[in-house]
């Protein structure tokens, strides 16, 4: 670390002169020894006095920096060798993968035949489910007795009707209309169906989800 003592009429001029005297260093420190005084008409004036501290070895620091820059610039050249290696590997892969493509269509044909064979028994089971009757004889008998008693209480005469179960539905068809007005008769049959299902649930003690009783008449 070196220092230069400089005097001038002001601190600013002393700093500028001292910096130039020290060969314009990039980094330096200034210590003000005397700020200076100006007298009347220049009499009894005192100059400003400063000290400039600076390092006189800037070149020694620049040399390792330049060496580091050269190393960093030369470093990216090395990956160029590694980038050429994957190209050699990729060229050998297509020759090994080519025979596997020929085998794939043969393997894909076998599951299609199995699926076609399995569909036939499933279709047969669906047809059996459609023809299956879910209403048991005991359930049909409960509905028959309840409707007979309800019609006897309503009209005082026995009314003939037929019952035909079809999966979840139980179709009850009256031999003759109960009312002259068809709209009123439909509302009556809807109420009968609801009450019949309630009586059936109480008798069987089952929820019977999906089961329905449908009433109608031949003349309606």
C-alpha atoms as a PDB file:
ATOM      1  CA  UNK A   1       0.000   0.000   0.000  1.00  0.00           C
ATOM      2  CA  UNK A   2       1.425   3.412  -1.023  1.00  0.00           C
ATOM      3  CA  UNK A   3       0.367   6.966  -0.232  1.00  0.00           C
ATOM      4  CA  UNK A   4       0.650  10.394  -1.851  1.00  0.00           C
ATOM      5  CA  UNK A   5       0.393  13.694   0.045  1.00  0.00           C
ATOM      6  CA  UNK A   6      -1.113  16.532  -1.961  1.00  0.00           C
ATOM      7  CA  UNK A   7      -1.914  20.163  -1.216  1.00  0.00           C
ATOM      8  CA  UNK A   8      -4.246  22.490  -3.131  1.00  0.00           C
ATOM      9  CA  UNK A   9      -6.523  25.463  -2.648  1.00  0.00           C
ATOM     10  CA  UNK A  10      -9.494  23.133  -1.967  1.00  0.00           C
ATOM     11  CA  UNK A  11     -10.046  19.529  -0.938  1.00  0.00           C
ATOM     12  CA  UNK A  12     -11.548  18.612  -4.334  1.00  0.00           C
ATOM     13  CA  UNK A  13      -8.577  19.998  -6.224  1.00  0.00           C
ATOM     14  CA  UNK A  14      -6.178  18.255  -3.857  1.00  0.00           C
ATOM     15  CA  UNK A  15      -7.951  14.889  -4.364  1.00  0.00           C
ATOM     16  CA  UNK A  16      -7.893  15.257  -8.164  1.00  0.00           C
ATOM     17  CA  UNK A  17      -4.230  16.219  -8.197  1.00  0.00           C
ATOM     18  CA  UNK A  18      -3.279  13.422  -5.794  1.00  0.00           C
ATOM     19  CA  UNK A  19      -5.218  10.822  -7.849  1.00  0.00           C
ATOM     20  CA  UNK A  20      -3.415  11.865 -11.019  1.00  0.00           C
ATOM     21  CA  UNK A  21      -0.102  11.865  -9.192  1.00  0.00           C
ATOM     22  CA  UNK A  22      -0.737   8.243  -8.104  1.00  0.00           C
ATOM     23  CA  UNK A  23      -1.189   7.206 -11.806  1.00  0.00           C
ATOM     24  CA  UNK A  24      -5.032   7.120 -11.592  1.00  0.00           C
ATOM     25  CA  UNK A  25      -5.547   3.935  -9.524  1.00  0.00           C
ATOM     26  CA  UNK A  26      -8.909   2.079  -9.815  1.00  0.00           C
ATOM     27  CA  UNK A  27      -9.232   1.755  -6.041  1.00  0.00           C
ATOM     28  CA  UNK A  28      -7.964   4.295  -3.514  1.00  0.00           C
ATOM     29  CA  UNK A  29      -8.764   5.938  -0.185  1.00  0.00           C
ATOM     30  CA  UNK A  30      -8.572   9.630   0.733  1.00  0.00           C
ATOM     31  CA  UNK A  31      -7.727  10.986   4.149  1.00  0.00           C
ATOM     32  CA  UNK A  32      -8.285  14.745   4.664  1.00  0.00           C
ATOM     33  CA  UNK A  33      -5.535  16.138   6.862  1.00  0.00           C
ATOM     34  CA  UNK A  34      -6.436  19.834   6.587  1.00  0.00           C
ATOM     35  CA  UNK A  35      -9.524  21.292   4.867  1.00  0.00           C
ATOM     36  CA  UNK A  36      -7.804  24.621   4.213  1.00  0.00           C
ATOM     37  CA  UNK A  37      -8.816  28.198   4.959  1.00  0.00           C
ATOM     38  CA  UNK A  38      -9.207  31.231   2.717  1.00  0.00           C
ATOM     39  CA  UNK A  39      -8.368  34.660   4.123  1.00  0.00           C
ATOM     40  CA  UNK A  40      -9.567  38.122   3.118  1.00  0.00           C
ATOM     41  CA  UNK A  41      -8.318  38.936  -0.395  1.00  0.00           C
ATOM     42  CA  UNK A  42      -6.051  35.880  -0.250  1.00  0.00           C
ATOM     43  CA  UNK A  43      -4.189  36.984   2.856  1.00  0.00           C
ATOM     44  CA  UNK A  44      -3.534  34.465   5.634  1.00  0.00           C
ATOM     45  CA  UNK A  45      -5.027  31.607   3.499  1.00  0.00           C
ATOM     46  CA  UNK A  46      -4.073  27.978   4.237  1.00  0.00           C
ATOM     47  CA  UNK A  47      -4.070  25.213   1.572  1.00  0.00           C
ATOM     48  CA  UNK A  48      -6.069  21.978   1.908  1.00  0.00           C
ATOM     49  CA  UNK A  49      -3.965  18.906   2.580  1.00  0.00           C
ATOM     50  CA  UNK A  50      -5.016  15.299   1.803  1.00  0.00           C
ATOM     51  CA  UNK A  51      -3.391  11.858   1.629  1.00  0.00           C
ATOM     52  CA  UNK A  52      -4.269   9.350  -1.153  1.00  0.00           C
ATOM     53  CA  UNK A  53      -3.733   5.660  -0.264  1.00  0.00           C
ATOM     54  CA  UNK A  54      -3.586   3.184  -3.180  1.00  0.00           C
ATOM     55  CA  UNK A  55      -2.254  -0.251  -4.165  1.00  0.00           C
ATOM     56  CA  UNK A  56       0.576  -0.195  -6.657  1.00  0.00           C
ATOM     57  CA  UNK A  57       0.127  -3.874  -7.852  1.00  0.00           C
ATOM     58  CA  UNK A  58      -2.970  -3.940 -10.068  1.00  0.00           C
ATOM     59  CA  UNK A  59      -1.279  -6.001 -12.761  1.00  0.00           C
ATOM     60  CA  UNK A  60      -0.643  -8.963 -10.428  1.00  0.00           C
ATOM     61  CA  UNK A  61      -4.403  -9.285  -9.806  1.00  0.00           C
ATOM     62  CA  UNK A  62      -5.329  -9.017 -13.457  1.00  0.00           C
ATOM     63  CA  UNK A  63      -3.083 -11.878 -14.530  1.00  0.00           C
ATOM     64  CA  UNK A  64      -4.896 -14.664 -12.577  1.00  0.00           C
ATOM     65  CA  UNK A  65      -8.231 -13.240 -13.745  1.00  0.00           C
ATOM     66  CA  UNK A  66      -7.119 -13.513 -17.359  1.00  0.00           C
ATOM     67  CA  UNK A  67      -5.934 -17.079 -16.719  1.00  0.00           C
ATOM     68  CA  UNK A  68      -9.322 -17.973 -15.223  1.00  0.00           C
ATOM     69  CA  UNK A  69     -11.123 -16.507 -18.243  1.00  0.00           C
ATOM     70  CA  UNK A  70      -8.978 -18.605 -20.554  1.00  0.00           C
ATOM     71  CA  UNK A  71      -9.812 -21.751 -18.548  1.00  0.00           C
ATOM     72  CA  UNK A  72     -13.529 -21.037 -18.559  1.00  0.00           C
ATOM     73  CA  UNK A  73     -13.444 -20.394 -22.296  1.00  0.00           C
ATOM     74  CA  UNK A  74     -11.599 -23.657 -22.933  1.00  0.00           C
ATOM     75  CA  UNK A  75     -13.852 -25.733 -20.640  1.00  0.00           C
ATOM     76  CA  UNK A  76     -16.989 -25.847 -22.881  1.00  0.00           C
ATOM     77  CA  UNK A  77     -14.936 -27.518 -25.626  1.00  0.00           C
ATOM     78  CA  UNK A  78     -14.802 -30.819 -23.656  1.00  0.00           C
ATOM     79  CA  UNK A  79     -18.550 -31.786 -23.944  1.00  0.00           C
ATOM     80  CA  UNK A  80     -18.134 -31.944 -27.732  1.00  0.00           C
ATOM     81  CA  UNK A  81     -16.516 -35.398 -27.341  1.00  0.00           C
ATOM     82  CA  UNK A  82     -19.379 -36.745 -25.189  1.00  0.00           C
ATOM     83  CA  UNK A  83     -22.094 -35.516 -27.576  1.00  0.00           C
ATOM     84  CA  UNK A  84     -20.710 -37.769 -30.308  1.00  0.00           C
ATOM     85  CA  UNK A  85     -21.105 -40.960 -28.215  1.00  0.00           C
ATOM     86  CA  UNK A  86     -24.960 -41.092 -28.169  1.00  0.00           C
ATOM     87  CA  UNK A  87     -25.008 -40.913 -31.974  1.00  0.00           C
ATOM     88  CA  UNK A  88     -23.053 -44.187 -32.153  1.00  0.00           C
ATOM     89  CA  UNK A  89     -25.491 -45.912 -29.757  1.00  0.00           C
ATOM     90  CA  UNK A  90     -28.611 -44.745 -31.551  1.00  0.00           C
ATOM     91  CA  UNK A  91     -27.388 -46.058 -34.896  1.00  0.00           C
ATOM     92  CA  UNK A  92     -27.074 -49.606 -33.505  1.00  0.00           C
ATOM     93  CA  UNK A  93     -30.550 -49.662 -31.871  1.00  0.00           C
ATOM     94  CA  UNK A  94     -32.767 -49.764 -35.011  1.00  0.00           C
ATOM     95  CA  UNK A  95     -31.122 -52.988 -36.180  1.00  0.00           C
ATOM     96  CA  UNK A  96     -32.084 -54.720 -32.887  1.00  0.00           C
ATOM     97  CA  UNK A  97     -35.616 -53.264 -32.701  1.00  0.00           C
ATOM     98  CA  UNK A  98     -36.542 -54.171 -36.291  1.00  0.00           C
ATOM     99  CA  UNK A  99     -37.416 -57.877 -35.688  1.00  0.00           C
ATOM    100  CA  UNK A 100     -39.658 -57.006 -32.690  1.00  0.00           C
ATOM    101  CA  UNK A 101     -41.999 -54.965 -34.922  1.00  0.00           C
ATOM    102  CA  UNK A 102     -42.684 -58.000 -37.127  1.00  0.00           C
ATOM    103  CA  UNK A 103     -43.751 -60.138 -34.143  1.00  0.00           C
ATOM    104  CA  UNK A 104     -46.307 -57.641 -32.685  1.00  0.00           C
ATOM    105  CA  UNK A 105     -49.210 -58.231 -35.171  1.00  0.00           C
ATOM    106  CA  UNK A 106     -49.177 -61.998 -34.494  1.00  0.00           C
ATOM    107  CA  UNK A 107     -49.519 -61.522 -30.723  1.00  0.00           C
ATOM    108  CA  UNK A 108     -52.372 -58.992 -31.096  1.00  0.00           C
ATOM    109  CA  UNK A 109     -54.572 -61.434 -33.049  1.00  0.00           C
ATOM    110  CA  UNK A 110     -55.062 -63.970 -30.221  1.00  0.00           C
ATOM    111  CA  UNK A 111     -57.011 -61.782 -27.691  1.00  0.00           C
ATOM    112  CA  UNK A 112     -59.525 -60.811 -30.393  1.00  0.00           C
ATOM    113  CA  UNK A 113     -60.528 -64.448 -30.911  1.00  0.00           C
ATOM    114  CA  UNK A 114     -60.889 -65.000 -27.158  1.00  0.00           C
ATOM    115  CA  UNK A 115     -63.160 -61.999 -26.773  1.00  0.00           C
ATOM    116  CA  UNK A 116     -65.436 -63.195 -29.553  1.00  0.00           C
ATOM    117  CA  UNK A 117     -65.728 -66.620 -27.939  1.00  0.00           C
ATOM    118  CA  UNK A 118     -66.546 -65.152 -24.522  1.00  0.00           C
ATOM    119  CA  UNK A 119     -69.377 -62.983 -25.862  1.00  0.00           C
ATOM    120  CA  UNK A 120     -71.568 -65.940 -26.810  1.00  0.00           C
ATOM    121  CA  UNK A 121     -72.250 -67.259 -23.268  1.00  0.00           C
ATOM    122  CA  UNK A 122     -72.856 -63.706 -22.034  1.00  0.00           C
ATOM    123  CA  UNK A 123     -75.542 -63.144 -24.652  1.00  0.00           C
ATOM    124  CA  UNK A 124     -77.215 -66.388 -23.612  1.00  0.00           C
ATOM    125  CA  UNK A 125     -77.308 -65.315 -19.962  1.00  0.00           C
ATOM    126  CA  UNK A 126     -78.893 -61.973 -20.912  1.00  0.00           C
ATOM    127  CA  UNK A 127     -81.703 -63.754 -22.750  1.00  0.00           C
ATOM    128  CA  UNK A 128     -82.264 -65.989 -19.739  1.00  0.00           C
ATOM    129  CA  UNK A 129     -82.503 -62.941 -17.464  1.00  0.00           C
ATOM    130  CA  UNK A 130     -85.204 -61.398 -19.664  1.00  0.00           C
ATOM    131  CA  UNK A 131     -87.344 -64.527 -19.498  1.00  0.00           C
ATOM    132  CA  UNK A 132     -86.770 -64.982 -15.745  1.00  0.00           C
ATOM    133  CA  UNK A 133     -89.828 -64.393 -13.519  1.00  0.00           C
ATOM    134  CA  UNK A 134     -88.958 -62.660 -10.237  1.00  0.00           C
ATOM    135  CA  UNK A 135     -92.452 -62.787  -8.738  1.00  0.00           C
ATOM    136  CA  UNK A 136     -92.858 -65.887  -6.558  1.00  0.00           C
ATOM    137  CA  UNK A 137     -96.207 -67.713  -6.255  1.00  0.00           C
ATOM    138  CA  UNK A 138     -96.536 -66.574  -2.631  1.00  0.00           C
ATOM    139  CA  UNK A 139     -96.116 -62.926  -3.637  1.00  0.00           C
ATOM    140  CA  UNK A 140     -98.710 -63.259  -6.419  1.00  0.00           C
ATOM    141  CA  UNK A 141    -101.174 -64.872  -4.002  1.00  0.00           C
ATOM    142  CA  UNK A 142    -100.815 -62.004  -1.512  1.00  0.00           C
ATOM    143  CA  UNK A 143    -101.609 -59.490  -4.266  1.00  0.00           C
ATOM    144  CA  UNK A 144    -104.581 -61.538  -5.476  1.00  0.00           C
ATOM    145  CA  UNK A 145    -106.166 -61.751  -2.010  1.00  0.00           C
ATOM    146  CA  UNK A 146    -105.625 -58.060  -1.233  1.00  0.00           C
ATOM    147  CA  UNK A 147    -107.148 -56.828  -4.526  1.00  0.00           C
ATOM    148  CA  UNK A 148    -110.117 -59.212  -4.188  1.00  0.00           C
ATOM    149  CA  UNK A 149    -110.895 -57.926  -0.691  1.00  0.00           C
ATOM    150  CA  UNK A 150    -110.494 -54.286  -1.784  1.00  0.00           C
ATOM    151  CA  UNK A 151    -112.848 -54.672  -4.758  1.00  0.00           C
ATOM    152  CA  UNK A 152    -115.397 -56.528  -2.602  1.00  0.00           C
ATOM    153  CA  UNK A 153    -115.367 -53.709  -0.055  1.00  0.00           C
ATOM    154  CA  UNK A 154    -115.617 -51.008  -2.738  1.00  0.00           C
ATOM    155  CA  UNK A 155    -118.455 -52.363  -4.953  1.00  0.00           C
ATOM    156  CA  UNK A 156    -119.945 -55.177  -2.890  1.00  0.00           C
ATOM    157  CA  UNK A 157    -119.626 -57.549  -5.829  1.00  0.00           C
ATOM    158  CA  UNK A 158    -116.806 -59.849  -6.873  1.00  0.00           C
ATOM    159  CA  UNK A 159    -114.899 -58.511  -9.871  1.00  0.00           C
ATOM    160  CA  UNK A 160    -112.948 -60.880 -12.067  1.00  0.00           C
ATOM    161  CA  UNK A 161    -109.350 -60.029 -12.992  1.00  0.00           C
ATOM    162  CA  UNK A 162    -106.247 -61.769 -14.300  1.00  0.00           C
ATOM    163  CA  UNK A 163    -102.654 -61.559 -13.068  1.00  0.00           C
ATOM    164  CA  UNK A 164     -99.563 -61.914 -15.271  1.00  0.00           C
ATOM    165  CA  UNK A 165     -96.041 -61.577 -13.754  1.00  0.00           C
ATOM    166  CA  UNK A 166     -93.257 -60.253 -15.989  1.00  0.00           C
ATOM    167  CA  UNK A 167     -89.895 -59.860 -14.223  1.00  0.00           C
ATOM    168  CA  UNK A 168     -90.327 -56.900 -11.810  1.00  0.00           C
ATOM    169  CA  UNK A 169     -93.837 -56.045 -13.036  1.00  0.00           C
ATOM    170  CA  UNK A 170     -97.103 -57.713 -12.014  1.00  0.00           C
ATOM    171  CA  UNK A 171     -99.863 -56.850 -14.496  1.00  0.00           C
ATOM    172  CA  UNK A 172    -103.402 -56.967 -13.076  1.00  0.00           C
ATOM    173  CA  UNK A 173    -106.135 -56.678 -15.768  1.00  0.00           C
ATOM    174  CA  UNK A 174    -109.807 -56.227 -14.819  1.00  0.00           C
ATOM    175  CA  UNK A 175    -112.393 -58.034 -16.963  1.00  0.00           C
ATOM    176  CA  UNK A 176    -114.522 -54.877 -17.102  1.00  0.00           C
ATOM    177  CA  UNK A 177    -114.036 -51.172 -16.267  1.00  0.00           C
ATOM    178  CA  UNK A 178    -114.629 -50.122 -12.673  1.00  0.00           C
ATOM    179  CA  UNK A 179    -115.534 -46.502 -13.546  1.00  0.00           C
ATOM    180  CA  UNK A 180    -117.071 -44.841 -16.593  1.00  0.00           C
ATOM    181  CA  UNK A 181    -114.513 -42.007 -16.568  1.00  0.00           C
ATOM    182  CA  UNK A 182    -111.160 -43.363 -17.811  1.00  0.00           C
ATOM    183  CA  UNK A 183    -109.119 -40.597 -16.108  1.00  0.00           C
ATOM    184  CA  UNK A 184    -110.690 -41.287 -12.718  1.00  0.00           C
ATOM    185  CA  UNK A 185    -110.154 -45.012 -13.267  1.00  0.00           C
ATOM    186  CA  UNK A 186    -106.413 -44.474 -13.919  1.00  0.00           C
ATOM    187  CA  UNK A 187    -106.067 -42.490 -10.681  1.00  0.00           C
ATOM    188  CA  UNK A 188    -107.958 -45.251  -8.857  1.00  0.00           C
ATOM    189  CA  UNK A 189    -105.670 -47.933 -10.253  1.00  0.00           C
ATOM    190  CA  UNK A 190    -102.571 -45.879  -9.304  1.00  0.00           C
ATOM    191  CA  UNK A 191    -103.781 -45.686  -5.697  1.00  0.00           C
ATOM    192  CA  UNK A 192    -104.588 -49.415  -5.722  1.00  0.00           C
ATOM    193  CA  UNK A 193    -101.053 -50.199  -6.957  1.00  0.00           C
ATOM    194  CA  UNK A 194     -99.447 -48.171  -4.163  1.00  0.00           C
ATOM    195  CA  UNK A 195    -101.593 -49.767  -1.453  1.00  0.00           C
ATOM    196  CA  UNK A 196    -101.005 -53.247  -2.912  1.00  0.00           C
ATOM    197  CA  UNK A 197     -97.200 -52.845  -2.749  1.00  0.00           C
ATOM    198  CA  UNK A 198     -97.425 -51.598   0.843  1.00  0.00           C
ATOM    199  CA  UNK A 199     -99.464 -54.664   1.814  1.00  0.00           C
ATOM    200  CA  UNK A 200     -97.002 -56.930  -0.010  1.00  0.00           C
ATOM    201  CA  UNK A 201     -93.994 -55.431   1.804  1.00  0.00           C
ATOM    202  CA  UNK A 202     -95.685 -55.917   5.168  1.00  0.00           C
ATOM    203  CA  UNK A 203     -96.550 -59.525   4.329  1.00  0.00           C
ATOM    204  CA  UNK A 204     -93.093 -60.485   3.004  1.00  0.00           C
ATOM    205  CA  UNK A 205     -91.074 -58.132   5.249  1.00  0.00           C
ATOM    206  CA  UNK A 206     -88.896 -57.198   2.270  1.00  0.00           C
ATOM    207  CA  UNK A 207     -88.091 -53.862   0.629  1.00  0.00           C
ATOM    208  CA  UNK A 208     -88.855 -55.215  -2.884  1.00  0.00           C
ATOM    209  CA  UNK A 209     -86.973 -52.473  -4.704  1.00  0.00           C
ATOM    210  CA  UNK A 210     -87.936 -52.232  -8.379  1.00  0.00           C
ATOM    211  CA  UNK A 211     -91.111 -54.332  -8.033  1.00  0.00           C
ATOM    212  CA  UNK A 212     -94.304 -52.716  -9.344  1.00  0.00           C
ATOM    213  CA  UNK A 213     -97.995 -53.594  -9.647  1.00  0.00           C
ATOM    214  CA  UNK A 214     -99.732 -52.238 -12.773  1.00  0.00           C
ATOM    215  CA  UNK A 215    -103.567 -52.250 -12.890  1.00  0.00           C
ATOM    216  CA  UNK A 216    -105.745 -51.750 -15.979  1.00  0.00           C
ATOM    217  CA  UNK A 217    -109.082 -52.840 -17.427  1.00  0.00           C
ATOM    218  CA  UNK A 218    -110.015 -54.345 -20.793  1.00  0.00           C
ATOM    219  CA  UNK A 219    -112.627 -51.764 -21.625  1.00  0.00           C
ATOM    220  CA  UNK A 220    -110.534 -48.705 -20.770  1.00  0.00           C
END
